[in-house]
């Protein structure tokens, strides 16, 4: 095998598309922030959204904050790999944010909900989908309350929606329980490293076997 073709722990320069989804309050954004700091050549895709920025969020860093009309224009121009309406606002992943099959781009991870994840599953069967679970509804409610960004009526809607989201887990490739942050980060990191080392992603042998 030409080992010069294999770099970065088994990678061949072909960008891998990862998707991390979870129920509300599942901690996927926190875990992704840890991953992109710890794993070389892993980039977070910045989504577009029509909602207003929350306290501390920056345009172009946390999201691309755009108007309803701008979002509609991108939909009409087929500019999104996936998009969905979630709790009254629209979110989408621009096609320019993700690597194409065989591209030399860095690996990219998407921080998106289940609606978006299922769209990616249909359009990009090569993508690796990871579902982040919580131990139970009580833990979800606790984390949402601690986050302090939801009105009480919205909090209950998110908890109810989680039941339907969990029903889609069979469409995902991996499931990780976020019971403890460090352990969950390590589990997702292990998945990413394993996918980078998958034989089907490596350069094919170019030598004849010697007996």
N, C-alpha and C. Protein backbone atom coordinates (compact mmCIF):
# COMPACT_ATOMS: atom_id res chain seq x y z
N UNK A 1 0.84 -1.20 0.00
CA UNK A 1 0.00 0.00 0.00
C UNK A 1 0.87 1.25 0.00
N UNK A 2 0.47 2.24 -0.75
CA UNK A 2 1.19 3.51 -0.78
C UNK A 2 0.80 4.31 0.46
N UNK A 3 1.64 4.26 1.49
CA UNK A 3 1.29 4.91 2.75
C UNK A 3 1.27 6.43 2.62
N UNK A 4 1.86 6.97 1.56
CA UNK A 4 1.81 8.42 1.37
C UNK A 4 0.40 8.90 1.10
N UNK A 5 -0.47 7.98 0.66
CA UNK A 5 -1.85 8.35 0.37
C UNK A 5 -2.70 8.42 1.64
N UNK A 6 -2.16 7.88 2.73
CA UNK A 6 -2.94 7.82 3.96
C UNK A 6 -2.32 8.74 4.98
N UNK A 7 -3.06 9.73 5.42
CA UNK A 7 -2.55 10.74 6.35
C UNK A 7 -3.55 10.95 7.46
N UNK A 8 -3.10 11.61 8.51
CA UNK A 8 -3.99 12.01 9.61
C UNK A 8 -4.76 10.82 10.18
N UNK A 9 -4.01 9.83 10.68
CA UNK A 9 -4.62 8.69 11.35
C UNK A 9 -5.57 7.91 10.44
N UNK A 10 -5.13 7.67 9.21
CA UNK A 10 -5.91 6.83 8.32
C UNK A 10 -6.78 7.56 7.33
N UNK A 11 -6.77 8.89 7.33
CA UNK A 11 -7.63 9.64 6.42
C UNK A 11 -6.99 9.72 5.04
N UNK A 12 -7.82 9.94 4.03
CA UNK A 12 -7.35 10.03 2.65
C UNK A 12 -7.62 11.40 2.05
N UNK A 13 -7.96 12.39 2.85
CA UNK A 13 -8.26 13.71 2.33
C UNK A 13 -9.70 13.86 1.91
N UNK A 14 -10.54 12.85 2.11
CA UNK A 14 -11.96 12.93 1.77
C UNK A 14 -12.74 13.37 3.00
N UNK A 15 -13.37 14.54 2.91
CA UNK A 15 -14.10 15.05 4.06
C UNK A 15 -15.27 14.16 4.44
N UNK A 16 -15.42 13.88 5.74
CA UNK A 16 -16.53 13.09 6.25
C UNK A 16 -17.56 14.04 6.84
N UNK A 17 -18.82 13.76 6.59
CA UNK A 17 -19.90 14.57 7.13
C UNK A 17 -20.52 13.86 8.33
N UNK A 18 -20.41 14.49 9.50
CA UNK A 18 -21.00 13.97 10.73
C UNK A 18 -22.21 14.81 11.12
N UNK A 19 -23.21 14.16 11.69
CA UNK A 19 -24.40 14.84 12.19
C UNK A 19 -24.57 14.46 13.66
N UNK A 20 -24.72 15.46 14.52
CA UNK A 20 -25.04 15.20 15.93
C UNK A 20 -26.39 15.82 16.23
N UNK A 21 -27.34 14.98 16.61
CA UNK A 21 -28.69 15.43 16.97
C UNK A 21 -28.99 14.99 18.39
N UNK A 22 -29.96 15.69 19.01
CA UNK A 22 -30.40 15.30 20.34
C UNK A 22 -31.76 15.93 20.60
N UNK A 23 -32.40 15.50 21.67
CA UNK A 23 -33.59 16.20 22.13
C UNK A 23 -33.15 17.55 22.69
N UNK A 24 -34.10 18.46 22.89
CA UNK A 24 -33.77 19.77 23.45
C UNK A 24 -33.13 19.59 24.82
N UNK A 25 -32.04 20.32 25.05
CA UNK A 25 -31.33 20.21 26.32
C UNK A 25 -30.39 19.04 26.39
N UNK A 26 -30.21 18.35 25.26
CA UNK A 26 -29.36 17.16 25.25
C UNK A 26 -27.88 17.43 25.35
N UNK A 27 -27.47 18.68 25.10
CA UNK A 27 -26.07 19.05 25.26
C UNK A 27 -25.22 18.92 24.02
N UNK A 28 -25.85 18.81 22.85
CA UNK A 28 -25.05 18.57 21.64
C UNK A 28 -24.14 19.74 21.30
N UNK A 29 -24.59 20.97 21.52
CA UNK A 29 -23.74 22.12 21.19
C UNK A 29 -22.51 22.16 22.09
N UNK A 30 -22.69 21.90 23.38
CA UNK A 30 -21.56 21.88 24.30
C UNK A 30 -20.56 20.80 23.91
N UNK A 31 -21.06 19.62 23.57
CA UNK A 31 -20.18 18.52 23.18
C UNK A 31 -19.44 18.84 21.89
N UNK A 32 -20.13 19.41 20.92
CA UNK A 32 -19.47 19.76 19.66
C UNK A 32 -18.36 20.79 19.90
N UNK A 33 -18.61 21.76 20.76
CA UNK A 33 -17.57 22.76 21.06
C UNK A 33 -16.32 22.11 21.62
N UNK A 34 -16.49 21.09 22.47
CA UNK A 34 -15.34 20.36 22.99
C UNK A 34 -14.64 19.59 21.86
N UNK A 35 -15.42 18.99 20.98
CA UNK A 35 -14.85 18.15 19.93
C UNK A 35 -14.01 18.95 18.94
N UNK A 36 -14.51 20.11 18.51
CA UNK A 36 -13.78 20.87 17.48
C UNK A 36 -12.48 21.45 18.05
N UNK A 37 -12.42 21.60 19.37
CA UNK A 37 -11.16 22.04 19.99
C UNK A 37 -10.18 20.88 20.15
N UNK A 38 -10.70 19.67 20.28
CA UNK A 38 -9.85 18.53 20.60
C UNK A 38 -9.42 17.71 19.39
N UNK A 39 -10.20 17.76 18.31
CA UNK A 39 -9.94 16.88 17.16
C UNK A 39 -9.41 17.70 15.99
N UNK A 40 -8.21 17.39 15.50
CA UNK A 40 -7.68 18.11 14.33
C UNK A 40 -8.57 17.90 13.10
N UNK A 41 -8.66 18.93 12.29
CA UNK A 41 -9.36 18.86 11.01
C UNK A 41 -10.83 18.51 11.14
N UNK A 42 -11.46 18.96 12.22
CA UNK A 42 -12.90 18.83 12.38
C UNK A 42 -13.48 20.24 12.49
N UNK A 43 -14.42 20.54 11.62
CA UNK A 43 -14.99 21.89 11.58
C UNK A 43 -16.49 21.84 11.82
N UNK A 44 -16.99 22.80 12.59
CA UNK A 44 -18.43 22.92 12.82
C UNK A 44 -19.08 23.69 11.69
N UNK A 45 -20.15 23.14 11.14
CA UNK A 45 -20.95 23.86 10.16
C UNK A 45 -21.81 24.90 10.87
N UNK A 46 -21.78 26.12 10.39
CA UNK A 46 -22.57 27.20 10.99
C UNK A 46 -23.91 27.27 10.27
N UNK A 47 -24.99 27.03 11.00
CA UNK A 47 -26.32 27.02 10.41
C UNK A 47 -26.85 28.43 10.20
N UNK A 48 -27.82 28.54 9.29
CA UNK A 48 -28.59 29.77 9.10
C UNK A 48 -29.88 29.66 9.92
N UNK A 49 -30.33 30.77 10.46
CA UNK A 49 -31.58 30.77 11.21
C UNK A 49 -32.29 32.11 11.10
N UNK A 50 -33.62 32.04 11.24
CA UNK A 50 -34.42 33.26 11.22
C UNK A 50 -34.71 33.78 12.62
N UNK A 51 -34.30 33.08 13.67
CA UNK A 51 -34.59 33.57 15.01
C UNK A 51 -33.60 34.66 15.41
N UNK A 52 -33.96 35.39 16.44
CA UNK A 52 -33.09 36.45 16.96
C UNK A 52 -31.94 35.85 17.76
N UNK A 53 -30.79 36.50 17.77
CA UNK A 53 -29.67 35.99 18.58
C UNK A 53 -30.00 36.01 20.07
N UNK A 54 -29.57 34.97 20.77
CA UNK A 54 -29.66 34.96 22.22
C UNK A 54 -28.48 35.73 22.80
N UNK A 55 -28.55 35.99 24.07
CA UNK A 55 -27.49 36.73 24.74
C UNK A 55 -26.15 36.03 24.55
N UNK A 56 -25.16 36.77 24.05
CA UNK A 56 -23.82 36.24 23.86
C UNK A 56 -23.57 35.60 22.52
N UNK A 57 -24.62 35.36 21.72
CA UNK A 57 -24.42 34.75 20.42
C UNK A 57 -23.92 35.77 19.40
N UNK A 58 -23.05 35.31 18.50
CA UNK A 58 -22.46 36.20 17.50
C UNK A 58 -22.81 35.72 16.09
N UNK A 59 -23.17 36.68 15.24
CA UNK A 59 -23.49 36.36 13.86
C UNK A 59 -22.24 35.85 13.14
N UNK A 60 -22.39 34.72 12.45
CA UNK A 60 -21.27 34.15 11.73
C UNK A 60 -20.42 33.21 12.56
N UNK A 61 -20.61 33.23 13.87
CA UNK A 61 -19.86 32.34 14.76
C UNK A 61 -20.77 31.26 15.34
N UNK A 62 -21.91 31.70 15.89
CA UNK A 62 -22.88 30.74 16.44
C UNK A 62 -23.90 30.34 15.37
N UNK A 63 -24.42 31.32 14.66
CA UNK A 63 -25.35 31.12 13.54
C UNK A 63 -25.13 32.23 12.53
N UNK A 64 -25.63 32.00 11.33
CA UNK A 64 -25.82 33.09 10.37
C UNK A 64 -27.27 33.55 10.58
N UNK A 65 -27.46 34.70 11.19
CA UNK A 65 -28.81 35.20 11.47
C UNK A 65 -29.30 35.99 10.25
N UNK A 66 -30.38 35.50 9.65
CA UNK A 66 -30.90 36.12 8.43
C UNK A 66 -32.41 36.33 8.57
N UNK A 67 -32.95 37.13 7.65
CA UNK A 67 -34.38 37.43 7.68
C UNK A 67 -35.18 36.28 7.08
N UNK A 68 -36.49 36.33 7.30
CA UNK A 68 -37.38 35.33 6.71
C UNK A 68 -37.28 35.35 5.19
N UNK A 69 -37.20 36.54 4.60
CA UNK A 69 -37.12 36.63 3.15
C UNK A 69 -35.82 36.05 2.62
N UNK A 70 -34.72 36.34 3.31
CA UNK A 70 -33.43 35.78 2.89
C UNK A 70 -33.44 34.26 2.96
N UNK A 71 -34.08 33.73 4.00
CA UNK A 71 -34.17 32.28 4.14
C UNK A 71 -35.00 31.69 3.00
N UNK A 72 -36.14 32.33 2.72
CA UNK A 72 -37.00 31.86 1.64
C UNK A 72 -36.27 31.87 0.31
N UNK A 73 -35.48 32.92 0.08
CA UNK A 73 -34.71 33.00 -1.17
C UNK A 73 -33.74 31.83 -1.28
N UNK A 74 -33.08 31.47 -0.18
CA UNK A 74 -32.14 30.36 -0.21
C UNK A 74 -32.86 29.04 -0.46
N UNK A 75 -34.06 28.88 0.12
CA UNK A 75 -34.85 27.67 -0.14
C UNK A 75 -35.21 27.59 -1.62
N UNK A 76 -35.68 28.71 -2.18
CA UNK A 76 -36.08 28.73 -3.59
C UNK A 76 -34.90 28.43 -4.52
N UNK A 77 -33.72 28.83 -4.11
CA UNK A 77 -32.52 28.61 -4.92
C UNK A 77 -31.85 27.27 -4.63
N UNK A 78 -32.52 26.43 -3.81
CA UNK A 78 -32.01 25.12 -3.41
C UNK A 78 -30.61 25.23 -2.81
N UNK A 79 -30.47 26.22 -1.95
CA UNK A 79 -29.18 26.47 -1.33
C UNK A 79 -28.91 25.69 -0.06
N UNK A 80 -29.93 24.95 0.44
CA UNK A 80 -29.76 24.22 1.68
C UNK A 80 -29.61 22.72 1.44
N UNK A 81 -28.71 22.10 2.20
CA UNK A 81 -28.68 20.64 2.26
C UNK A 81 -29.89 20.15 3.03
N UNK A 82 -30.22 20.84 4.11
CA UNK A 82 -31.40 20.52 4.92
C UNK A 82 -31.89 21.81 5.56
N UNK A 83 -33.20 21.84 5.80
CA UNK A 83 -33.74 22.94 6.59
C UNK A 83 -35.04 22.49 7.24
N UNK A 84 -35.40 23.14 8.33
CA UNK A 84 -36.60 22.75 9.06
C UNK A 84 -37.12 23.94 9.85
N UNK A 85 -38.41 23.90 10.15
CA UNK A 85 -39.00 24.89 11.05
C UNK A 85 -39.11 24.26 12.43
N UNK A 86 -38.52 24.92 13.41
CA UNK A 86 -38.45 24.37 14.77
C UNK A 86 -38.90 25.44 15.75
N UNK A 87 -40.02 25.17 16.44
CA UNK A 87 -40.55 26.09 17.46
C UNK A 87 -40.70 27.51 16.91
N UNK A 88 -41.24 27.59 15.70
CA UNK A 88 -41.58 28.89 15.12
C UNK A 88 -40.47 29.58 14.36
N UNK A 89 -39.30 28.99 14.29
CA UNK A 89 -38.19 29.59 13.56
C UNK A 89 -37.62 28.58 12.58
N UNK A 90 -36.99 29.07 11.52
CA UNK A 90 -36.41 28.19 10.53
C UNK A 90 -34.89 28.11 10.69
N UNK A 91 -34.38 26.90 10.50
CA UNK A 91 -32.95 26.64 10.59
C UNK A 91 -32.53 25.85 9.36
N UNK A 92 -31.33 26.09 8.85
CA UNK A 92 -30.89 25.35 7.67
C UNK A 92 -29.38 25.28 7.56
N UNK A 93 -28.91 24.24 6.87
CA UNK A 93 -27.48 24.06 6.59
C UNK A 93 -27.22 24.35 5.13
N UNK A 94 -26.45 25.37 4.87
CA UNK A 94 -26.10 25.72 3.50
C UNK A 94 -25.26 24.62 2.87
N UNK A 95 -25.50 24.34 1.59
CA UNK A 95 -24.71 23.33 0.89
C UNK A 95 -23.23 23.71 0.85
N UNK A 96 -22.95 25.01 0.89
CA UNK A 96 -21.55 25.45 0.85
C UNK A 96 -20.80 25.12 2.14
N UNK A 97 -21.53 24.76 3.21
CA UNK A 97 -20.91 24.47 4.49
C UNK A 97 -20.40 23.04 4.60
N UNK A 98 -20.83 22.15 3.71
CA UNK A 98 -20.54 20.72 3.90
C UNK A 98 -19.64 20.19 2.79
N UNK A 99 -18.82 19.18 3.11
CA UNK A 99 -17.95 18.60 2.09
C UNK A 99 -18.73 17.69 1.17
N UNK A 100 -18.34 17.67 -0.10
CA UNK A 100 -18.93 16.73 -1.04
C UNK A 100 -18.14 15.44 -1.03
N UNK A 101 -18.74 14.34 -1.51
CA UNK A 101 -18.03 13.06 -1.57
C UNK A 101 -16.74 13.21 -2.38
N UNK A 102 -15.64 12.76 -1.80
CA UNK A 102 -14.37 12.82 -2.51
C UNK A 102 -13.69 14.16 -2.45
N UNK A 103 -14.23 15.11 -1.70
CA UNK A 103 -13.60 16.42 -1.60
C UNK A 103 -12.40 16.35 -0.67
N UNK A 104 -11.56 17.34 -0.76
CA UNK A 104 -10.40 17.40 0.12
C UNK A 104 -10.65 18.26 1.34
N UNK A 105 -11.90 18.56 1.63
CA UNK A 105 -12.23 19.45 2.73
C UNK A 105 -12.03 18.74 4.06
N UNK A 106 -11.98 19.54 5.13
CA UNK A 106 -11.93 18.98 6.47
C UNK A 106 -13.23 18.24 6.74
N UNK A 107 -13.19 17.36 7.74
CA UNK A 107 -14.42 16.75 8.21
C UNK A 107 -15.30 17.84 8.81
N UNK A 108 -16.61 17.69 8.63
CA UNK A 108 -17.56 18.70 9.10
C UNK A 108 -18.59 18.02 9.99
N UNK A 109 -18.95 18.68 11.08
CA UNK A 109 -20.00 18.16 11.96
C UNK A 109 -21.15 19.15 12.00
N UNK A 110 -22.37 18.64 11.87
CA UNK A 110 -23.57 19.45 11.89
C UNK A 110 -24.25 19.33 13.25
N UNK A 111 -24.63 20.46 13.79
CA UNK A 111 -25.39 20.54 15.05
C UNK A 111 -26.83 20.83 14.65
N UNK A 112 -27.62 19.76 14.40
CA UNK A 112 -28.97 19.95 13.88
C UNK A 112 -29.96 19.02 14.59
N UNK A 113 -31.24 19.35 14.47
CA UNK A 113 -32.27 18.54 15.11
C UNK A 113 -32.61 17.33 14.24
N UNK A 114 -33.55 16.53 14.73
CA UNK A 114 -33.90 15.28 14.06
C UNK A 114 -34.48 15.52 12.67
N UNK A 115 -35.31 16.56 12.52
CA UNK A 115 -35.87 16.84 11.19
C UNK A 115 -34.75 17.00 10.16
N UNK A 116 -33.76 17.79 10.52
CA UNK A 116 -32.63 18.00 9.62
C UNK A 116 -31.80 16.75 9.43
N UNK A 117 -31.61 15.99 10.51
CA UNK A 117 -30.83 14.77 10.42
C UNK A 117 -31.42 13.77 9.45
N UNK A 118 -32.75 13.64 9.45
CA UNK A 118 -33.41 12.70 8.53
C UNK A 118 -33.30 13.16 7.08
N UNK A 119 -33.31 14.48 6.87
CA UNK A 119 -33.10 14.99 5.50
C UNK A 119 -31.69 14.66 5.02
N UNK A 120 -30.71 14.83 5.89
CA UNK A 120 -29.32 14.50 5.53
C UNK A 120 -29.21 13.00 5.24
N UNK A 121 -29.90 12.18 6.02
CA UNK A 121 -29.87 10.72 5.79
C UNK A 121 -30.32 10.38 4.38
N UNK A 122 -31.36 11.07 3.88
CA UNK A 122 -31.86 10.80 2.54
C UNK A 122 -30.95 11.33 1.45
N UNK A 123 -30.39 12.52 1.68
CA UNK A 123 -29.61 13.17 0.63
C UNK A 123 -28.14 12.78 0.63
N UNK A 124 -27.63 12.44 1.80
CA UNK A 124 -26.21 12.08 1.91
C UNK A 124 -26.07 10.77 2.69
N UNK A 125 -26.32 9.63 2.05
CA UNK A 125 -26.22 8.35 2.75
C UNK A 125 -24.82 8.06 3.28
N UNK A 126 -23.82 8.80 2.80
CA UNK A 126 -22.46 8.61 3.30
C UNK A 126 -22.23 9.29 4.64
N UNK A 127 -23.17 10.15 5.07
CA UNK A 127 -23.01 10.87 6.33
C UNK A 127 -23.09 9.92 7.52
N UNK A 128 -22.46 10.30 8.62
CA UNK A 128 -22.47 9.51 9.85
C UNK A 128 -23.36 10.24 10.86
N UNK A 129 -24.46 9.60 11.25
CA UNK A 129 -25.45 10.23 12.13
C UNK A 129 -25.33 9.69 13.55
N UNK A 130 -25.22 10.60 14.51
CA UNK A 130 -25.05 10.26 15.93
C UNK A 130 -26.18 10.91 16.71
N UNK A 131 -26.87 10.13 17.53
CA UNK A 131 -27.98 10.65 18.35
C UNK A 131 -27.52 10.70 19.80
N UNK A 132 -27.69 11.87 20.40
CA UNK A 132 -27.30 12.09 21.79
C UNK A 132 -28.53 11.96 22.68
N UNK A 133 -28.47 11.03 23.62
CA UNK A 133 -29.60 10.74 24.49
C UNK A 133 -29.37 11.30 25.89
N UNK A 134 -30.47 11.53 26.60
CA UNK A 134 -30.42 11.86 28.02
C UNK A 134 -30.96 10.66 28.82
N UNK A 135 -30.63 10.57 30.11
CA UNK A 135 -31.12 9.42 30.89
C UNK A 135 -32.64 9.35 31.00
N UNK A 136 -33.35 10.48 30.88
CA UNK A 136 -34.80 10.45 30.98
C UNK A 136 -35.39 11.84 30.91
N UNK A 137 -36.73 11.93 30.91
CA UNK A 137 -37.42 13.22 30.80
C UNK A 137 -37.12 14.14 31.98
N UNK A 138 -36.96 13.57 33.16
CA UNK A 138 -36.66 14.41 34.32
C UNK A 138 -35.34 15.14 34.15
N UNK A 139 -34.36 14.45 33.61
CA UNK A 139 -33.07 15.08 33.38
C UNK A 139 -33.18 16.14 32.29
N UNK A 140 -33.98 15.88 31.26
CA UNK A 140 -34.17 16.88 30.21
C UNK A 140 -34.80 18.14 30.78
N UNK A 141 -35.86 17.99 31.58
CA UNK A 141 -36.52 19.16 32.17
C UNK A 141 -35.56 19.92 33.06
N UNK A 142 -34.75 19.22 33.84
CA UNK A 142 -33.78 19.86 34.72
C UNK A 142 -32.80 20.71 33.91
N UNK A 143 -32.29 20.14 32.82
CA UNK A 143 -31.30 20.88 32.02
C UNK A 143 -31.92 22.06 31.30
N UNK A 144 -33.14 21.90 30.82
CA UNK A 144 -33.81 23.03 30.16
C UNK A 144 -34.05 24.17 31.15
N UNK A 145 -34.45 23.84 32.36
CA UNK A 145 -34.66 24.88 33.37
C UNK A 145 -33.34 25.58 33.72
N UNK A 146 -32.27 24.81 33.82
CA UNK A 146 -30.97 25.39 34.13
C UNK A 146 -30.49 26.30 33.01
N UNK A 147 -30.84 25.96 31.77
CA UNK A 147 -30.44 26.78 30.63
C UNK A 147 -31.07 28.15 30.68
N UNK A 148 -32.31 28.22 31.17
CA UNK A 148 -32.97 29.50 31.41
C UNK A 148 -33.34 30.28 30.17
N UNK A 149 -33.48 29.61 29.03
CA UNK A 149 -33.81 30.32 27.79
C UNK A 149 -35.24 30.07 27.33
N UNK A 150 -35.98 29.23 28.05
CA UNK A 150 -37.31 28.84 27.60
C UNK A 150 -38.39 29.32 28.58
N UNK A 151 -39.49 29.84 28.02
CA UNK A 151 -40.66 30.12 28.83
C UNK A 151 -41.26 28.80 29.28
N UNK A 152 -41.95 28.76 30.43
CA UNK A 152 -42.49 27.49 30.95
C UNK A 152 -43.34 26.73 29.94
N UNK A 153 -44.18 27.44 29.16
CA UNK A 153 -45.04 26.75 28.20
C UNK A 153 -44.22 26.15 27.05
N UNK A 154 -43.13 26.80 26.67
CA UNK A 154 -42.27 26.27 25.62
C UNK A 154 -41.48 25.07 26.12
N UNK A 155 -41.13 25.10 27.39
CA UNK A 155 -40.36 23.99 27.97
C UNK A 155 -41.13 22.69 27.86
N UNK A 156 -42.41 22.71 28.19
CA UNK A 156 -43.22 21.50 28.12
C UNK A 156 -43.39 21.02 26.68
N UNK A 157 -43.48 21.94 25.72
CA UNK A 157 -43.57 21.55 24.32
C UNK A 157 -42.32 20.80 23.88
N UNK A 158 -41.17 21.25 24.36
CA UNK A 158 -39.92 20.60 23.99
C UNK A 158 -39.83 19.20 24.58
N UNK A 159 -40.30 19.04 25.80
CA UNK A 159 -40.28 17.73 26.43
C UNK A 159 -41.20 16.76 25.68
N UNK A 160 -42.39 17.24 25.30
CA UNK A 160 -43.32 16.40 24.55
C UNK A 160 -42.77 16.04 23.17
N UNK A 161 -42.11 17.01 22.52
CA UNK A 161 -41.55 16.77 21.20
C UNK A 161 -40.45 15.70 21.25
N UNK A 162 -39.75 15.61 22.38
CA UNK A 162 -38.65 14.65 22.50
C UNK A 162 -39.13 13.22 22.30
N UNK A 163 -40.37 12.93 22.70
CA UNK A 163 -40.89 11.57 22.56
C UNK A 163 -40.97 11.16 21.08
N UNK A 164 -41.41 12.08 20.25
CA UNK A 164 -41.46 11.79 18.82
C UNK A 164 -40.07 11.71 18.21
N UNK A 165 -39.14 12.56 18.69
CA UNK A 165 -37.78 12.55 18.16
C UNK A 165 -37.08 11.23 18.48
N UNK A 166 -37.33 10.71 19.66
CA UNK A 166 -36.69 9.44 20.05
C UNK A 166 -37.15 8.28 19.18
N UNK A 167 -38.34 8.40 18.61
CA UNK A 167 -38.86 7.33 17.76
C UNK A 167 -38.08 7.20 16.45
N UNK A 168 -37.27 8.19 16.11
CA UNK A 168 -36.51 8.16 14.86
C UNK A 168 -35.11 7.61 15.04
N UNK A 169 -34.77 7.15 16.23
CA UNK A 169 -33.38 6.81 16.52
C UNK A 169 -32.85 5.69 15.63
N UNK A 170 -33.74 4.84 15.12
CA UNK A 170 -33.28 3.74 14.25
C UNK A 170 -32.70 4.25 12.93
N UNK A 171 -32.97 5.51 12.58
CA UNK A 171 -32.41 6.09 11.36
C UNK A 171 -30.95 6.53 11.55
N UNK A 172 -30.51 6.56 12.80
CA UNK A 172 -29.15 7.02 13.11
C UNK A 172 -28.19 5.83 13.19
N UNK A 173 -26.90 6.13 13.06
CA UNK A 173 -25.88 5.09 13.07
C UNK A 173 -25.40 4.76 14.48
N UNK A 174 -25.38 5.77 15.35
CA UNK A 174 -24.85 5.60 16.71
C UNK A 174 -25.76 6.32 17.70
N UNK A 175 -25.75 5.82 18.94
CA UNK A 175 -26.45 6.50 20.04
C UNK A 175 -25.49 6.61 21.22
N UNK A 176 -25.45 7.80 21.82
CA UNK A 176 -24.59 8.07 22.97
C UNK A 176 -25.43 8.69 24.07
N UNK A 177 -25.32 8.17 25.30
CA UNK A 177 -26.05 8.73 26.43
C UNK A 177 -25.19 9.82 27.08
N UNK A 178 -25.74 11.02 27.16
CA UNK A 178 -25.03 12.14 27.77
C UNK A 178 -25.41 12.21 29.26
N UNK A 179 -24.90 11.26 30.00
CA UNK A 179 -25.13 11.24 31.44
C UNK A 179 -24.09 12.08 32.17
N UNK A 180 -22.90 12.15 31.56
CA UNK A 180 -21.78 12.89 32.14
C UNK A 180 -20.96 13.44 30.98
N UNK A 181 -20.65 14.74 31.02
CA UNK A 181 -20.10 15.44 29.86
C UNK A 181 -18.82 14.80 29.33
N UNK A 182 -17.86 14.56 30.19
CA UNK A 182 -16.58 14.04 29.72
C UNK A 182 -16.73 12.69 29.04
N UNK A 183 -17.56 11.82 29.63
CA UNK A 183 -17.77 10.51 29.02
C UNK A 183 -18.46 10.60 27.68
N UNK A 184 -19.44 11.52 27.55
CA UNK A 184 -20.14 11.68 26.28
C UNK A 184 -19.22 12.24 25.21
N UNK A 185 -18.38 13.20 25.57
CA UNK A 185 -17.41 13.75 24.61
C UNK A 185 -16.46 12.65 24.14
N UNK A 186 -15.97 11.83 25.06
CA UNK A 186 -15.05 10.75 24.69
C UNK A 186 -15.74 9.75 23.76
N UNK A 187 -17.02 9.45 24.03
CA UNK A 187 -17.74 8.48 23.19
C UNK A 187 -17.91 8.99 21.76
N UNK A 188 -18.30 10.26 21.61
CA UNK A 188 -18.48 10.81 20.27
C UNK A 188 -17.12 10.93 19.57
N UNK A 189 -16.10 11.33 20.32
CA UNK A 189 -14.76 11.41 19.74
C UNK A 189 -14.32 10.05 19.22
N UNK A 190 -14.61 8.99 19.97
CA UNK A 190 -14.23 7.65 19.54
C UNK A 190 -14.92 7.26 18.24
N UNK A 191 -16.18 7.67 18.10
CA UNK A 191 -16.91 7.40 16.86
C UNK A 191 -16.24 8.10 15.68
N UNK A 192 -15.87 9.35 15.87
CA UNK A 192 -15.25 10.11 14.78
C UNK A 192 -13.91 9.49 14.39
N UNK A 193 -13.09 9.15 15.37
CA UNK A 193 -11.80 8.52 15.08
C UNK A 193 -12.01 7.18 14.38
N UNK A 194 -12.97 6.40 14.84
CA UNK A 194 -13.24 5.10 14.21
C UNK A 194 -13.66 5.26 12.75
N UNK A 195 -14.52 6.24 12.48
CA UNK A 195 -14.97 6.45 11.10
C UNK A 195 -13.81 6.91 10.21
N UNK A 196 -12.90 7.68 10.76
CA UNK A 196 -11.73 8.10 9.99
C UNK A 196 -10.84 6.91 9.64
N UNK A 197 -10.86 5.88 10.49
CA UNK A 197 -10.01 4.71 10.27
C UNK A 197 -10.73 3.59 9.52
N UNK A 198 -11.97 3.81 9.15
CA UNK A 198 -12.73 2.77 8.44
C UNK A 198 -12.03 2.41 7.13
N UNK A 199 -11.90 1.13 6.86
CA UNK A 199 -11.17 0.66 5.68
C UNK A 199 -11.74 1.26 4.39
N UNK A 200 -13.06 1.37 4.30
CA UNK A 200 -13.67 1.87 3.08
C UNK A 200 -13.32 3.33 2.81
N UNK A 201 -12.81 4.05 3.81
CA UNK A 201 -12.42 5.45 3.61
C UNK A 201 -10.94 5.59 3.29
N UNK A 202 -10.19 4.48 3.34
CA UNK A 202 -8.76 4.55 3.11
C UNK A 202 -8.42 4.33 1.64
N UNK A 203 -7.19 4.67 1.29
CA UNK A 203 -6.73 4.42 -0.08
C UNK A 203 -6.63 2.93 -0.32
N UNK A 204 -7.01 2.49 -1.51
CA UNK A 204 -6.96 1.07 -1.85
C UNK A 204 -5.51 0.62 -1.99
N UNK A 205 -5.21 -0.64 -1.64
CA UNK A 205 -3.85 -1.16 -1.82
C UNK A 205 -3.44 -1.08 -3.28
N UNK A 206 -2.18 -0.73 -3.51
CA UNK A 206 -1.72 -0.62 -4.90
C UNK A 206 -0.53 -1.54 -5.15
N UNK A 207 -0.39 -2.57 -4.31
CA UNK A 207 0.71 -3.51 -4.54
C UNK A 207 0.14 -4.93 -4.64
N UNK A 208 0.85 -5.79 -5.25
CA UNK A 208 0.45 -7.18 -5.34
C UNK A 208 0.91 -7.91 -4.11
N UNK A 209 0.08 -8.81 -3.59
CA UNK A 209 0.44 -9.56 -2.38
C UNK A 209 1.54 -10.54 -2.73
N UNK A 210 2.52 -10.60 -1.83
CA UNK A 210 3.61 -11.55 -2.00
C UNK A 210 3.35 -12.77 -1.14
N UNK A 211 3.53 -13.96 -1.70
CA UNK A 211 3.35 -15.21 -0.95
C UNK A 211 4.57 -15.48 -0.07
